[in-house]
Amino acid sequence: MDKIVSVSAIADGCLKVTFSDGRTGEFDVKPFMRSEFFAALRDQEYFAQVGLFFSGVGWPGGQDLGPDTISAQLFVPEHS
């Protein structure tokens, strides 16, 4: 299983992530923000506190997303 080795918050509820196999892309967290558990992520200052958590990503309040979830919905922009 690949793990996330780098994460940063980018505009509009999305994360930029890099996996250990070199894949880099964007992950849209907004669909998860509909649930009560992830509601705090709607605050941009809090959302920006994202960091590495085990093999995935997490926030100080305990919200986390695993690498499989992120990998399955990773958007990899095409390079021109």
N, C-alpha and C. Protein backbone atom coordinates (compact mmCIF):
# COMPACT_ATOMS: atom_id res chain seq x y z
N MET A 1 0.84 -1.18 0.00
CA MET A 1 0.00 0.00 0.00
C MET A 1 0.88 1.24 0.00
N ASP A 2 0.56 2.15 -0.92
CA ASP A 2 1.28 3.42 -0.96
C ASP A 2 0.84 4.30 0.19
N LYS A 3 1.77 5.11 0.64
CA LYS A 3 1.41 6.06 1.68
C LYS A 3 1.62 7.47 1.15
N ILE A 4 0.96 8.41 1.77
CA ILE A 4 1.10 9.81 1.41
C ILE A 4 2.34 10.35 2.11
N VAL A 5 3.19 11.02 1.34
CA VAL A 5 4.44 11.53 1.90
C VAL A 5 4.46 13.05 1.97
N SER A 6 3.47 13.70 1.32
CA SER A 6 3.39 15.16 1.36
C SER A 6 1.94 15.57 1.16
N VAL A 7 1.51 16.57 1.93
CA VAL A 7 0.15 17.09 1.78
C VAL A 7 0.14 18.58 2.08
N SER A 8 -0.68 19.31 1.33
CA SER A 8 -0.89 20.73 1.61
C SER A 8 -2.29 21.10 1.17
N ALA A 9 -2.86 22.05 1.89
CA ALA A 9 -4.19 22.57 1.55
C ALA A 9 -4.05 23.53 0.39
N ILE A 10 -4.95 23.38 -0.58
CA ILE A 10 -5.01 24.34 -1.69
C ILE A 10 -6.42 24.90 -1.73
N ALA A 11 -6.71 25.72 -2.69
CA ALA A 11 -7.98 26.45 -2.74
C ALA A 11 -9.21 25.54 -2.76
N ASP A 12 -10.30 26.08 -2.21
CA ASP A 12 -11.63 25.50 -2.34
C ASP A 12 -11.79 24.09 -1.81
N GLY A 13 -11.25 23.82 -0.62
CA GLY A 13 -11.47 22.53 0.02
C GLY A 13 -10.75 21.36 -0.61
N CYS A 14 -9.66 21.63 -1.28
CA CYS A 14 -8.89 20.57 -1.92
C CYS A 14 -7.51 20.45 -1.29
N LEU A 15 -6.95 19.26 -1.43
CA LEU A 15 -5.60 18.99 -0.96
C LEU A 15 -4.71 18.63 -2.13
N LYS A 16 -3.45 19.01 -2.05
CA LYS A 16 -2.45 18.52 -2.98
C LYS A 16 -1.69 17.44 -2.23
N VAL A 17 -1.65 16.24 -2.79
CA VAL A 17 -0.99 15.12 -2.12
C VAL A 17 0.04 14.47 -3.03
N THR A 18 1.07 13.93 -2.40
CA THR A 18 2.07 13.15 -3.11
C THR A 18 2.18 11.80 -2.41
N PHE A 19 2.12 10.74 -3.20
CA PHE A 19 2.25 9.38 -2.69
C PHE A 19 3.69 8.91 -2.78
N SER A 20 4.00 7.88 -2.02
CA SER A 20 5.36 7.34 -1.99
C SER A 20 5.81 6.79 -3.34
N ASP A 21 4.86 6.45 -4.22
CA ASP A 21 5.23 5.96 -5.55
C ASP A 21 5.46 7.09 -6.55
N GLY A 22 5.36 8.35 -6.08
CA GLY A 22 5.61 9.51 -6.93
C GLY A 22 4.38 10.16 -7.51
N ARG A 23 3.21 9.51 -7.40
CA ARG A 23 1.99 10.13 -7.92
C ARG A 23 1.67 11.38 -7.13
N THR A 24 1.33 12.43 -7.85
CA THR A 24 0.93 13.69 -7.23
C THR A 24 -0.38 14.13 -7.87
N GLY A 25 -1.28 14.60 -7.04
CA GLY A 25 -2.55 15.07 -7.57
C GLY A 25 -3.34 15.84 -6.54
N GLU A 26 -4.59 16.10 -6.89
CA GLU A 26 -5.48 16.87 -6.02
C GLU A 26 -6.63 15.98 -5.55
N PHE A 27 -7.02 16.20 -4.32
CA PHE A 27 -8.13 15.46 -3.73
C PHE A 27 -9.14 16.44 -3.19
N ASP A 28 -10.39 16.30 -3.61
CA ASP A 28 -11.47 17.19 -3.19
C ASP A 28 -12.09 16.66 -1.90
N VAL A 29 -11.95 17.40 -0.82
CA VAL A 29 -12.47 16.99 0.48
C VAL A 29 -13.91 17.44 0.69
N LYS A 30 -14.42 18.35 -0.13
CA LYS A 30 -15.75 18.92 0.08
C LYS A 30 -16.86 17.89 0.26
N PRO A 31 -16.90 16.80 -0.49
CA PRO A 31 -17.98 15.83 -0.25
C PRO A 31 -17.99 15.26 1.18
N PHE A 32 -16.83 15.16 1.78
CA PHE A 32 -16.74 14.65 3.15
C PHE A 32 -17.21 15.68 4.16
N MET A 33 -17.09 16.96 3.82
CA MET A 33 -17.45 18.05 4.73
C MET A 33 -18.94 18.10 5.02
N ARG A 34 -19.73 17.36 4.29
CA ARG A 34 -21.18 17.33 4.53
C ARG A 34 -21.51 16.60 5.84
N SER A 35 -20.63 15.72 6.26
CA SER A 35 -20.89 14.97 7.49
C SER A 35 -20.48 15.79 8.71
N GLU A 36 -21.12 15.52 9.83
CA GLU A 36 -20.83 16.23 11.07
C GLU A 36 -19.37 16.04 11.50
N PHE A 37 -18.84 14.85 11.30
CA PHE A 37 -17.47 14.54 11.72
C PHE A 37 -16.45 15.44 11.03
N PHE A 38 -16.68 15.76 9.76
CA PHE A 38 -15.75 16.57 8.99
C PHE A 38 -16.18 18.04 8.89
N ALA A 39 -17.24 18.44 9.56
CA ALA A 39 -17.78 19.80 9.45
C ALA A 39 -16.74 20.88 9.78
N ALA A 40 -15.86 20.63 10.73
CA ALA A 40 -14.85 21.63 11.12
C ALA A 40 -13.93 21.99 9.96
N LEU A 41 -13.83 21.11 8.97
CA LEU A 41 -12.95 21.37 7.84
C LEU A 41 -13.47 22.47 6.94
N ARG A 42 -14.71 22.88 7.14
CA ARG A 42 -15.27 23.99 6.36
C ARG A 42 -14.59 25.32 6.70
N ASP A 43 -13.99 25.39 7.87
CA ASP A 43 -13.23 26.57 8.28
C ASP A 43 -11.86 26.51 7.60
N GLN A 44 -11.57 27.47 6.73
CA GLN A 44 -10.33 27.43 5.94
C GLN A 44 -9.06 27.44 6.78
N GLU A 45 -9.07 28.18 7.89
CA GLU A 45 -7.88 28.21 8.75
C GLU A 45 -7.63 26.83 9.36
N TYR A 46 -8.70 26.18 9.78
CA TYR A 46 -8.56 24.83 10.33
C TYR A 46 -8.17 23.84 9.23
N PHE A 47 -8.81 23.95 8.07
CA PHE A 47 -8.51 23.06 6.95
C PHE A 47 -7.02 23.11 6.60
N ALA A 48 -6.44 24.31 6.68
CA ALA A 48 -5.03 24.50 6.33
C ALA A 48 -4.08 23.81 7.30
N GLN A 49 -4.59 23.35 8.44
CA GLN A 49 -3.74 22.66 9.43
C GLN A 49 -3.54 21.19 9.11
N VAL A 50 -3.93 20.75 7.92
CA VAL A 50 -3.77 19.35 7.52
C VAL A 50 -2.30 18.93 7.61
N GLY A 51 -2.10 17.68 7.95
CA GLY A 51 -0.75 17.13 8.03
C GLY A 51 -0.78 15.64 7.77
N LEU A 52 0.38 15.05 7.76
CA LEU A 52 0.48 13.60 7.58
C LEU A 52 0.00 12.90 8.83
N PHE A 53 -0.75 11.84 8.66
CA PHE A 53 -1.29 11.07 9.79
C PHE A 53 -1.20 9.60 9.41
N PHE A 54 -0.29 8.88 10.04
CA PHE A 54 0.02 7.50 9.66
C PHE A 54 0.32 7.48 8.16
N SER A 55 -0.41 6.73 7.36
CA SER A 55 -0.15 6.66 5.92
C SER A 55 -1.02 7.64 5.14
N GLY A 56 -1.91 8.35 5.82
CA GLY A 56 -2.83 9.26 5.17
C GLY A 56 -2.65 10.69 5.64
N VAL A 57 -3.77 11.40 5.76
CA VAL A 57 -3.74 12.79 6.20
C VAL A 57 -4.71 12.98 7.36
N GLY A 58 -4.46 14.01 8.17
CA GLY A 58 -5.35 14.26 9.30
C GLY A 58 -5.27 15.69 9.77
N TRP A 59 -6.18 16.02 10.68
CA TRP A 59 -6.28 17.36 11.26
C TRP A 59 -6.22 17.23 12.78
N PRO A 60 -5.92 18.33 13.48
CA PRO A 60 -5.75 18.28 14.94
C PRO A 60 -6.96 17.75 15.71
N GLY A 61 -8.18 17.91 15.19
CA GLY A 61 -9.37 17.45 15.89
C GLY A 61 -9.69 15.98 15.70
N GLY A 62 -8.84 15.26 14.99
CA GLY A 62 -9.03 13.82 14.83
C GLY A 62 -9.62 13.38 13.50
N GLN A 63 -10.00 14.33 12.66
CA GLN A 63 -10.51 13.96 11.34
C GLN A 63 -9.32 13.42 10.52
N ASP A 64 -9.55 12.32 9.82
CA ASP A 64 -8.48 11.78 8.99
C ASP A 64 -9.04 11.05 7.78
N LEU A 65 -8.20 10.93 6.77
CA LEU A 65 -8.55 10.23 5.54
C LEU A 65 -7.38 9.32 5.19
N GLY A 66 -7.69 8.08 4.87
CA GLY A 66 -6.66 7.11 4.54
C GLY A 66 -6.18 7.22 3.10
N PRO A 67 -5.03 6.63 2.83
CA PRO A 67 -4.47 6.71 1.48
C PRO A 67 -5.32 6.02 0.43
N ASP A 68 -6.02 4.95 0.78
CA ASP A 68 -6.87 4.25 -0.20
C ASP A 68 -8.02 5.14 -0.65
N THR A 69 -8.65 5.83 0.30
CA THR A 69 -9.74 6.74 -0.03
C THR A 69 -9.26 7.85 -0.95
N ILE A 70 -8.12 8.42 -0.63
CA ILE A 70 -7.58 9.53 -1.42
C ILE A 70 -7.14 9.04 -2.79
N SER A 71 -6.47 7.91 -2.85
CA SER A 71 -6.00 7.37 -4.12
C SER A 71 -7.15 7.08 -5.08
N ALA A 72 -8.25 6.57 -4.55
CA ALA A 72 -9.38 6.20 -5.39
C ALA A 72 -10.03 7.40 -6.07
N GLN A 73 -9.87 8.59 -5.48
CA GLN A 73 -10.52 9.79 -6.01
C GLN A 73 -9.52 10.88 -6.37
N LEU A 74 -8.27 10.50 -6.56
CA LEU A 74 -7.20 11.46 -6.86
C LEU A 74 -7.35 12.01 -8.27
N PHE A 75 -7.31 13.32 -8.40
CA PHE A 75 -7.33 13.97 -9.70
C PHE A 75 -5.89 14.32 -10.04
N VAL A 76 -5.40 13.77 -11.14
CA VAL A 76 -4.04 14.04 -11.59
C VAL A 76 -4.13 14.92 -12.83
N PRO A 77 -3.80 16.21 -12.69
CA PRO A 77 -3.89 17.11 -13.85
C PRO A 77 -2.95 16.65 -14.97
N GLU A 78 -3.43 16.80 -16.19
CA GLU A 78 -2.58 16.45 -17.35
C GLU A 78 -1.58 17.56 -17.56
N HIS A 79 -0.36 17.15 -17.90
CA HIS A 79 0.69 18.13 -18.20
C HIS A 79 0.73 18.36 -19.69
N SER A 80 0.80 19.64 -20.08
CA SER A 80 0.85 19.91 -21.52
C SER A 80 2.26 19.98 -22.03
